[in-house]
Amino acid sequence: MKKAAVCQFAFLAALLLALPSGLGAAYILIDDRDPNTITISAGDFEEGFYLEGNLFTMGLGNGNTQTLPDGGYNISGSWIDLGQSGNRVDLLFTMPGDPSLVFSGIEFGTSTDGVLGTLNGSFGGATGSYYFTTVLPTALQNGQALDGAAPFLSVRFISEAVVPEPSTLLLLSVVAPIIIAARRRRRA
C-alpha cells in the first residue's frame, strides 16, 4: 500500500513538471500610464476572455494584448477556479479632493459553477471625467499599481500619473523664477 502511494505521488509530480506552463493562473494586466490610451493584456482563460463581447483570448498558454483609446470597456471571462470564486475585485483610482469619484480602474464580480469561475465587469482609463461614485476604498491616481485577485486569477492595474494642465505649467514657469530670484536676493 505504501509503495502505491509513493508511485501515485511520483506520477502526479512528473505530470505537473511535464505541463508546458505548469498550473499558472489566469491573469489580467491593465496599463493606463499613457495619457491617451489604455493597454489590456489577458491570458490563460480556459473558456475565454471577452472584451466588449468579442473573444480576446482563450486557452492555457494563450494571451493577447491590445492598446485602446482611453475610455470604458466591458469584460467577461471564464477560467478553472476549482469552485472557489465568489468575490469582487475593485481596483479603483481617484484624483485629489474627493475619494468617492472613480476616474480609472477595473471592477468585476466573480461566480463559480463548481469548476469554472466567471467574471463580469468593466475597466476604464483616465479621461478627465469620473466614471461613477463609490464608497469602496480608492487609491490616488499617481502612476501607482494596485493588485487584486480571485482564486486562480491575478489582476493588476497601473494608473496614469496626474499631469498638470498647461495653464498650471505656464504659471509655474513664470512664478518659479520670481521666487528663486527673491530667495537669492535675501541670501545676499
Foldseek 3Di string as FASTA:
>chain_A
DVVVVVVVVVVVVVVQVPDPVRLAFWEWEWEQADPFKIKIKTDAQQFAKDKQNHGQWHHGPIMHMDIGTFDKIKMKTKHFQQQFFFAKDWAFEDAPDDQFFGQWTWIWGWGDPRTMIMIITMTGAGDPHTDGGDPDGYHYQAQDKDWDDTRRYIYIYGGHHDDDDPVVVVVCVVVVVVVVVVVVVVVD
